[in-house]
Amino acid sequence: MFLSRGERLDDLEYHCSTLQANASRFSKAVSQEKAFSVNIGSIFQPAINFVSSLFTKKSTKNIAASSDLKPASYSTNDDVDQSLNSSNSSNSQTSKIIWPADEQKLVDRFIELQQYDGLWILTTDDVNQLTGKSLTIFSSSIIEKLEKNIQQLIITTVIVMILLETRCLTLKTLWQALSNKAYKRLKELLDGDESKIEQLMKDIRDQY
């Protein structure tokens, strides 16, 4: 079926008006979308600016803090030696014992310091405080063949036994067990010979 010229023109005009209407609606929609985007951007912009300022401040603080850091220092061997010497000096001072004059306190101190094997380890300063004499003046031919450290242990133990007998006699019930334990250990060190122990005790008493 063929359309007349007038009909074709009418049809073209209809399609043109339809296209114009669609174009108008599309243009309006685009304008609204742009306006919405602008509005959204304006709403969130203050928040974006605030977050950005926080990062800027944090970065500034980190830079300032890093500039205040002191350069690392390294210990030399001399520093380590000095530290060790200071530590040894401090330990020496804290380990120094002030011996009490009271009998009960003296016995308590000897109870505390007796070794598990029954002997007593005293320093030169301990002996000086307790006897008023130097540890080096105490000796006995009975133990001269033993090692030096064993000799000193035996001598300091005998000194304590004599001190208990002479200065703490009224508290003998408290220290008798300590003295017996020490005597047993001395006997072991002197080959089980009790006569050697008696001679050793006599030698130390005479020097005391």
C-alpha atoms as a PDB file:
ATOM      1  CA  MET A   1       0.000   0.000   0.000  1.00  0.00           C
ATOM      2  CA  PHE A   2       1.414   3.332  -1.008  1.00  0.00           C
ATOM      3  CA  LEU A   3       0.979   6.529   1.047  1.00  0.00           C
ATOM      4  CA  SER A   4       0.289   9.846  -0.558  1.00  0.00           C
ATOM      5  CA  ARG A   5       2.763  12.643  -0.282  1.00  0.00           C
ATOM      6  CA  GLY A   6       0.640  14.463   2.296  1.00  0.00           C
ATOM      7  CA  GLU A   7       0.423  11.405   4.477  1.00  0.00           C
ATOM      8  CA  ARG A   8       4.183  10.928   4.390  1.00  0.00           C
ATOM      9  CA  LEU A   9       4.734  14.522   5.426  1.00  0.00           C
ATOM     10  CA  ASP A  10       2.310  14.158   8.307  1.00  0.00           C
ATOM     11  CA  ASP A  11       4.112  11.021   9.414  1.00  0.00           C
ATOM     12  CA  LEU A  12       7.475  12.751   9.296  1.00  0.00           C
ATOM     13  CA  GLU A  13       6.150  15.671  11.292  1.00  0.00           C
ATOM     14  CA  TYR A  14       4.839  13.253  13.926  1.00  0.00           C
ATOM     15  CA  HIS A  15       8.176  11.529  14.243  1.00  0.00           C
ATOM     16  CA  CYS A  16       9.987  14.854  14.436  1.00  0.00           C
ATOM     17  CA  SER A  17       7.765  16.074  17.236  1.00  0.00           C
ATOM     18  CA  THR A  18       8.295  12.782  19.075  1.00  0.00           C
ATOM     19  CA  LEU A  19      12.049  13.100  18.737  1.00  0.00           C
ATOM     20  CA  GLN A  20      11.940  16.678  19.962  1.00  0.00           C
ATOM     21  CA  ALA A  21       9.896  15.649  23.012  1.00  0.00           C
ATOM     22  CA  ASN A  22      12.312  12.829  23.824  1.00  0.00           C
ATOM     23  CA  ALA A  23      15.275  15.142  23.376  1.00  0.00           C
ATOM     24  CA  SER A  24      13.703  17.674  25.725  1.00  0.00           C
ATOM     25  CA  ARG A  25      13.059  15.044  28.403  1.00  0.00           C
ATOM     26  CA  PHE A  26      16.620  13.724  28.070  1.00  0.00           C
ATOM     27  CA  SER A  27      18.084  17.213  28.354  1.00  0.00           C
ATOM     28  CA  LYS A  28      16.007  17.888  31.460  1.00  0.00           C
ATOM     29  CA  ALA A  29      17.081  14.614  33.060  1.00  0.00           C
ATOM     30  CA  VAL A  30      20.741  15.387  32.405  1.00  0.00           C
ATOM     31  CA  SER A  31      20.362  18.829  33.957  1.00  0.00           C
ATOM     32  CA  GLN A  32      18.723  17.345  37.077  1.00  0.00           C
ATOM     33  CA  GLU A  33      21.486  14.732  37.423  1.00  0.00           C
ATOM     34  CA  LYS A  34      24.171  17.414  37.199  1.00  0.00           C
ATOM     35  CA  ALA A  35      22.373  19.507  39.781  1.00  0.00           C
ATOM     36  CA  PHE A  36      22.107  16.470  42.094  1.00  0.00           C
ATOM     37  CA  SER A  37      25.827  15.757  41.713  1.00  0.00           C
ATOM     38  CA  VAL A  38      26.660  19.343  42.534  1.00  0.00           C
ATOM     39  CA  ASN A  39      24.400  19.243  45.613  1.00  0.00           C
ATOM     40  CA  ILE A  40      25.926  15.963  46.845  1.00  0.00           C
ATOM     41  CA  GLY A  41      29.398  17.371  46.356  1.00  0.00           C
ATOM     42  CA  SER A  42      28.559  20.511  48.289  1.00  0.00           C
ATOM     43  CA  ILE A  43      27.112  18.440  51.139  1.00  0.00           C
ATOM     44  CA  PHE A  44      30.154  16.189  51.587  1.00  0.00           C
ATOM     45  CA  GLN A  45      32.810  18.772  50.820  1.00  0.00           C
ATOM     46  CA  PRO A  46      33.101  20.061  54.447  1.00  0.00           C
ATOM     47  CA  ALA A  47      33.583  16.493  55.698  1.00  0.00           C
ATOM     48  CA  ILE A  48      36.200  15.837  53.045  1.00  0.00           C
ATOM     49  CA  ASN A  49      38.011  19.024  53.972  1.00  0.00           C
ATOM     50  CA  PHE A  50      37.939  18.076  57.708  1.00  0.00           C
ATOM     51  CA  VAL A  51      39.410  14.612  57.104  1.00  0.00           C
ATOM     52  CA  SER A  52      42.091  16.096  54.876  1.00  0.00           C
ATOM     53  CA  SER A  53      43.022  18.590  57.585  1.00  0.00           C
ATOM     54  CA  LEU A  54      43.403  15.753  60.113  1.00  0.00           C
ATOM     55  CA  PHE A  55      45.855  13.928  57.886  1.00  0.00           C
ATOM     56  CA  THR A  56      47.738  17.159  57.301  1.00  0.00           C
ATOM     57  CA  LYS A  57      48.023  17.845  61.062  1.00  0.00           C
ATOM     58  CA  LYS A  58      49.114  14.257  61.819  1.00  0.00           C
ATOM     59  CA  SER A  59      51.746  14.410  59.119  1.00  0.00           C
ATOM     60  CA  THR A  60      53.015  17.721  60.510  1.00  0.00           C
ATOM     61  CA  LYS A  61      53.230  16.282  64.040  1.00  0.00           C
ATOM     62  CA  ASN A  62      55.127  13.214  62.840  1.00  0.00           C
ATOM     63  CA  ILE A  63      57.621  15.390  61.029  1.00  0.00           C
ATOM     64  CA  ALA A  64      58.079  17.585  64.110  1.00  0.00           C
ATOM     65  CA  ALA A  65      58.490  14.544  66.353  1.00  0.00           C
ATOM     66  CA  SER A  66      61.048  12.983  64.056  1.00  0.00           C
ATOM     67  CA  SER A  67      63.041  16.193  64.056  1.00  0.00           C
ATOM     68  CA  ASP A  68      63.143  16.123  67.895  1.00  0.00           C
ATOM     69  CA  LEU A  69      64.562  12.601  68.076  1.00  0.00           C
ATOM     70  CA  LYS A  70      68.039  12.394  69.540  1.00  0.00           C
ATOM     71  CA  PRO A  71      70.708  10.479  67.656  1.00  0.00           C
ATOM     72  CA  ALA A  72      71.206   6.903  68.843  1.00  0.00           C
ATOM     73  CA  SER A  73      74.057   6.346  71.266  1.00  0.00           C
ATOM     74  CA  TYR A  74      76.144   3.196  71.375  1.00  0.00           C
ATOM     75  CA  SER A  75      77.911   1.716  74.408  1.00  0.00           C
ATOM     76  CA  THR A  76      81.629   1.269  74.106  1.00  0.00           C
ATOM     77  CA  ASN A  77      83.671  -1.361  75.897  1.00  0.00           C
ATOM     78  CA  ASP A  78      84.762   1.285  78.388  1.00  0.00           C
ATOM     79  CA  ASP A  79      81.129   2.061  79.176  1.00  0.00           C
ATOM     80  CA  VAL A  80      80.398  -1.624  79.789  1.00  0.00           C
ATOM     81  CA  ASP A  81      83.452  -2.002  82.018  1.00  0.00           C
ATOM     82  CA  GLN A  82      82.476   1.079  83.991  1.00  0.00           C
ATOM     83  CA  SER A  83      78.937  -0.261  84.415  1.00  0.00           C
ATOM     84  CA  LEU A  84      80.230  -3.620  85.624  1.00  0.00           C
ATOM     85  CA  ASN A  85      82.585  -1.954  88.074  1.00  0.00           C
ATOM     86  CA  SER A  86      79.768   0.191  89.430  1.00  0.00           C
ATOM     87  CA  SER A  87      77.579  -2.890  89.792  1.00  0.00           C
ATOM     88  CA  ASN A  88      80.304  -4.818  91.600  1.00  0.00           C
ATOM     89  CA  SER A  89      80.912  -1.887  93.922  1.00  0.00           C
ATOM     90  CA  SER A  90      77.199  -1.631  94.658  1.00  0.00           C
ATOM     91  CA  ASN A  91      76.935  -5.369  95.322  1.00  0.00           C
ATOM     92  CA  SER A  92      79.934  -5.202  97.625  1.00  0.00           C
ATOM     93  CA  GLN A  93      78.341  -2.430  99.637  1.00  0.00           C
ATOM     94  CA  THR A  94      74.954  -4.120  99.896  1.00  0.00           C
ATOM     95  CA  SER A  95      76.489  -7.511 100.813  1.00  0.00           C
ATOM     96  CA  LYS A  96      78.433  -6.032 103.749  1.00  0.00           C
ATOM     97  CA  ILE A  97      76.875  -7.274 106.979  1.00  0.00           C
ATOM     98  CA  ILE A  98      76.637  -5.235 110.143  1.00  0.00           C
ATOM     99  CA  TRP A  99      76.861  -7.816 112.891  1.00  0.00           C
ATOM    100  CA  PRO A 100      74.599  -7.332 115.918  1.00  0.00           C
ATOM    101  CA  ALA A 101      75.902  -7.275 119.497  1.00  0.00           C
ATOM    102  CA  ASP A 102      72.744  -8.822 120.927  1.00  0.00           C
ATOM    103  CA  GLU A 103      73.165 -12.565 121.590  1.00  0.00           C
ATOM    104  CA  GLN A 104      69.759 -13.578 120.258  1.00  0.00           C
ATOM    105  CA  LYS A 105      70.200 -11.596 117.054  1.00  0.00           C
ATOM    106  CA  LEU A 106      73.716 -12.957 116.645  1.00  0.00           C
ATOM    107  CA  VAL A 107      72.492 -16.549 116.920  1.00  0.00           C
ATOM    108  CA  ASP A 108      69.689 -15.787 114.472  1.00  0.00           C
ATOM    109  CA  ARG A 109      72.229 -14.438 112.014  1.00  0.00           C
ATOM    110  CA  PHE A 110      74.407 -17.546 112.296  1.00  0.00           C
ATOM    111  CA  ILE A 111      71.336 -19.744 111.808  1.00  0.00           C
ATOM    112  CA  GLU A 112      70.517 -17.792 108.662  1.00  0.00           C
ATOM    113  CA  LEU A 113      74.031 -17.948 107.215  1.00  0.00           C
ATOM    114  CA  GLN A 114      74.954 -21.571 107.872  1.00  0.00           C
ATOM    115  CA  GLN A 115      75.463 -23.481 104.617  1.00  0.00           C
ATOM    116  CA  TYR A 116      73.571 -26.656 103.807  1.00  0.00           C
ATOM    117  CA  ASP A 117      76.701 -28.734 104.548  1.00  0.00           C
ATOM    118  CA  GLY A 118      77.115 -27.149 107.997  1.00  0.00           C
ATOM    119  CA  LEU A 119      79.945 -24.716 107.286  1.00  0.00           C
ATOM    120  CA  TRP A 120      79.951 -20.928 107.558  1.00  0.00           C
ATOM    121  CA  ILE A 121      81.391 -18.621 104.901  1.00  0.00           C
ATOM    122  CA  LEU A 122      82.616 -15.353 106.401  1.00  0.00           C
ATOM    123  CA  THR A 123      84.370 -12.486 104.670  1.00  0.00           C
ATOM    124  CA  THR A 124      87.454 -10.714 105.952  1.00  0.00           C
ATOM    125  CA  ASP A 125      85.223  -7.865 107.094  1.00  0.00           C
ATOM    126  CA  ASP A 126      82.918 -10.284 108.934  1.00  0.00           C
ATOM    127  CA  VAL A 127      85.831 -11.784 110.846  1.00  0.00           C
ATOM    128  CA  ASN A 128      87.185  -8.330 111.655  1.00  0.00           C
ATOM    129  CA  GLN A 129      83.828  -7.208 113.060  1.00  0.00           C
ATOM    130  CA  LEU A 130      83.309 -10.379 115.078  1.00  0.00           C
ATOM    131  CA  THR A 131      86.819 -10.838 116.463  1.00  0.00           C
ATOM    132  CA  GLY A 132      88.530  -7.483 116.012  1.00  0.00           C
ATOM    133  CA  LYS A 133      91.295  -9.292 114.111  1.00  0.00           C
ATOM    134  CA  SER A 134      92.182 -10.006 110.515  1.00  0.00           C
ATOM    135  CA  LEU A 135      91.242 -13.318 108.965  1.00  0.00           C
ATOM    136  CA  THR A 136      94.815 -13.762 107.748  1.00  0.00           C
ATOM    137  CA  ILE A 137      96.209 -14.235 111.276  1.00  0.00           C
ATOM    138  CA  PHE A 138      94.184 -17.404 111.849  1.00  0.00           C
ATOM    139  CA  SER A 139      95.888 -20.606 110.739  1.00  0.00           C
ATOM    140  CA  SER A 140      96.635 -24.180 111.765  1.00  0.00           C
ATOM    141  CA  SER A 141      99.161 -26.775 110.686  1.00  0.00           C
ATOM    142  CA  ILE A 142      96.329 -29.309 110.712  1.00  0.00           C
ATOM    143  CA  ILE A 143      94.859 -27.886 107.494  1.00  0.00           C
ATOM    144  CA  GLU A 144      97.902 -26.416 105.755  1.00  0.00           C
ATOM    145  CA  LYS A 145      97.940 -29.184 103.121  1.00  0.00           C
ATOM    146  CA  LEU A 146      94.378 -28.493 102.047  1.00  0.00           C
ATOM    147  CA  GLU A 147      93.385 -26.112  99.271  1.00  0.00           C
ATOM    148  CA  LYS A 148      93.316 -22.434 100.234  1.00  0.00           C
ATOM    149  CA  ASN A 149      89.580 -22.038  99.796  1.00  0.00           C
ATOM    150  CA  ILE A 150      88.921 -25.130 101.944  1.00  0.00           C
ATOM    151  CA  GLN A 151      91.301 -23.807 104.595  1.00  0.00           C
ATOM    152  CA  GLN A 152      89.384 -20.535 104.786  1.00  0.00           C
ATOM    153  CA  LEU A 153      86.035 -22.321 105.035  1.00  0.00           C
ATOM    154  CA  ILE A 154      87.306 -24.469 107.886  1.00  0.00           C
ATOM    155  CA  ILE A 155      88.822 -21.505 109.742  1.00  0.00           C
ATOM    156  CA  THR A 156      85.720 -19.319 109.466  1.00  0.00           C
ATOM    157  CA  THR A 157      83.551 -22.228 110.601  1.00  0.00           C
ATOM    158  CA  VAL A 158      85.727 -22.828 113.652  1.00  0.00           C
ATOM    159  CA  ILE A 159      85.616 -19.089 114.449  1.00  0.00           C
ATOM    160  CA  VAL A 160      81.809 -19.203 114.470  1.00  0.00           C
ATOM    161  CA  MET A 161      81.796 -22.302 116.694  1.00  0.00           C
ATOM    162  CA  ILE A 162      84.101 -20.576 119.184  1.00  0.00           C
ATOM    163  CA  LEU A 163      81.989 -17.395 119.103  1.00  0.00           C
ATOM    164  CA  LEU A 164      78.861 -19.382 119.878  1.00  0.00           C
ATOM    165  CA  GLU A 165      80.575 -21.091 122.810  1.00  0.00           C
ATOM    166  CA  THR A 166      82.007 -17.892 124.268  1.00  0.00           C
ATOM    167  CA  ARG A 167      79.442 -15.209 123.525  1.00  0.00           C
ATOM    168  CA  CYS A 168      76.163 -17.083 123.259  1.00  0.00           C
ATOM    169  CA  LEU A 169      76.523 -19.784 125.906  1.00  0.00           C
ATOM    170  CA  THR A 170      73.158 -18.980 127.505  1.00  0.00           C
ATOM    171  CA  LEU A 171      71.448 -19.764 124.188  1.00  0.00           C
ATOM    172  CA  LYS A 172      73.218 -23.079 123.674  1.00  0.00           C
ATOM    173  CA  THR A 173      69.945 -24.921 123.150  1.00  0.00           C
ATOM    174  CA  LEU A 174      69.369 -22.780 120.042  1.00  0.00           C
ATOM    175  CA  TRP A 175      72.736 -23.239 118.387  1.00  0.00           C
ATOM    176  CA  GLN A 176      73.832 -26.679 119.606  1.00  0.00           C
ATOM    177  CA  ALA A 177      72.383 -28.383 116.531  1.00  0.00           C
ATOM    178  CA  LEU A 178      74.230 -25.916 114.280  1.00  0.00           C
ATOM    179  CA  SER A 179      77.516 -26.609 116.019  1.00  0.00           C
ATOM    180  CA  ASN A 180      77.012 -30.379 115.804  1.00  0.00           C
ATOM    181  CA  LYS A 181      76.336 -30.134 112.070  1.00  0.00           C
ATOM    182  CA  ALA A 182      79.485 -28.060 111.550  1.00  0.00           C
ATOM    183  CA  TYR A 183      81.542 -30.489 113.665  1.00  0.00           C
ATOM    184  CA  LYS A 184      80.332 -33.417 111.547  1.00  0.00           C
ATOM    185  CA  ARG A 185      81.383 -31.665 108.331  1.00  0.00           C
ATOM    186  CA  LEU A 186      84.800 -30.747 109.749  1.00  0.00           C
ATOM    187  CA  LYS A 187      85.315 -34.366 110.701  1.00  0.00           C
ATOM    188  CA  GLU A 188      84.609 -35.414 107.106  1.00  0.00           C
ATOM    189  CA  LEU A 189      87.124 -32.881 105.765  1.00  0.00           C
ATOM    190  CA  LEU A 190      89.788 -34.039 108.231  1.00  0.00           C
ATOM    191  CA  ASP A 191      89.577 -37.730 107.386  1.00  0.00           C
ATOM    192  CA  GLY A 192      87.320 -38.525 110.317  1.00  0.00           C
ATOM    193  CA  ASP A 193      90.070 -37.780 112.835  1.00  0.00           C
ATOM    194  CA  GLU A 194      88.526 -36.084 115.864  1.00  0.00           C
ATOM    195  CA  SER A 195      91.943 -35.377 117.359  1.00  0.00           C
ATOM    196  CA  LYS A 196      92.666 -33.105 114.390  1.00  0.00           C
ATOM    197  CA  ILE A 197      89.479 -31.192 115.065  1.00  0.00           C
ATOM    198  CA  GLU A 198      90.433 -30.708 118.709  1.00  0.00           C
ATOM    199  CA  GLN A 199      93.896 -29.464 117.732  1.00  0.00           C
ATOM    200  CA  LEU A 200      92.404 -27.176 115.098  1.00  0.00           C
ATOM    201  CA  MET A 201      89.978 -25.696 117.626  1.00  0.00           C
ATOM    202  CA  LYS A 202      92.846 -25.143 120.081  1.00  0.00           C
ATOM    203  CA  ASP A 203      94.993 -23.399 117.458  1.00  0.00           C
ATOM    204  CA  ILE A 204      92.215 -20.984 116.516  1.00  0.00           C
ATOM    205  CA  ARG A 205      91.307 -20.301 120.161  1.00  0.00           C
ATOM    206  CA  ASP A 206      94.911 -19.415 120.939  1.00  0.00           C
ATOM    207  CA  GLN A 207      94.965 -16.924 118.055  1.00  0.00           C
ATOM    208  CA  TYR A 208      91.554 -15.558 118.969  1.00  0.00           C
END
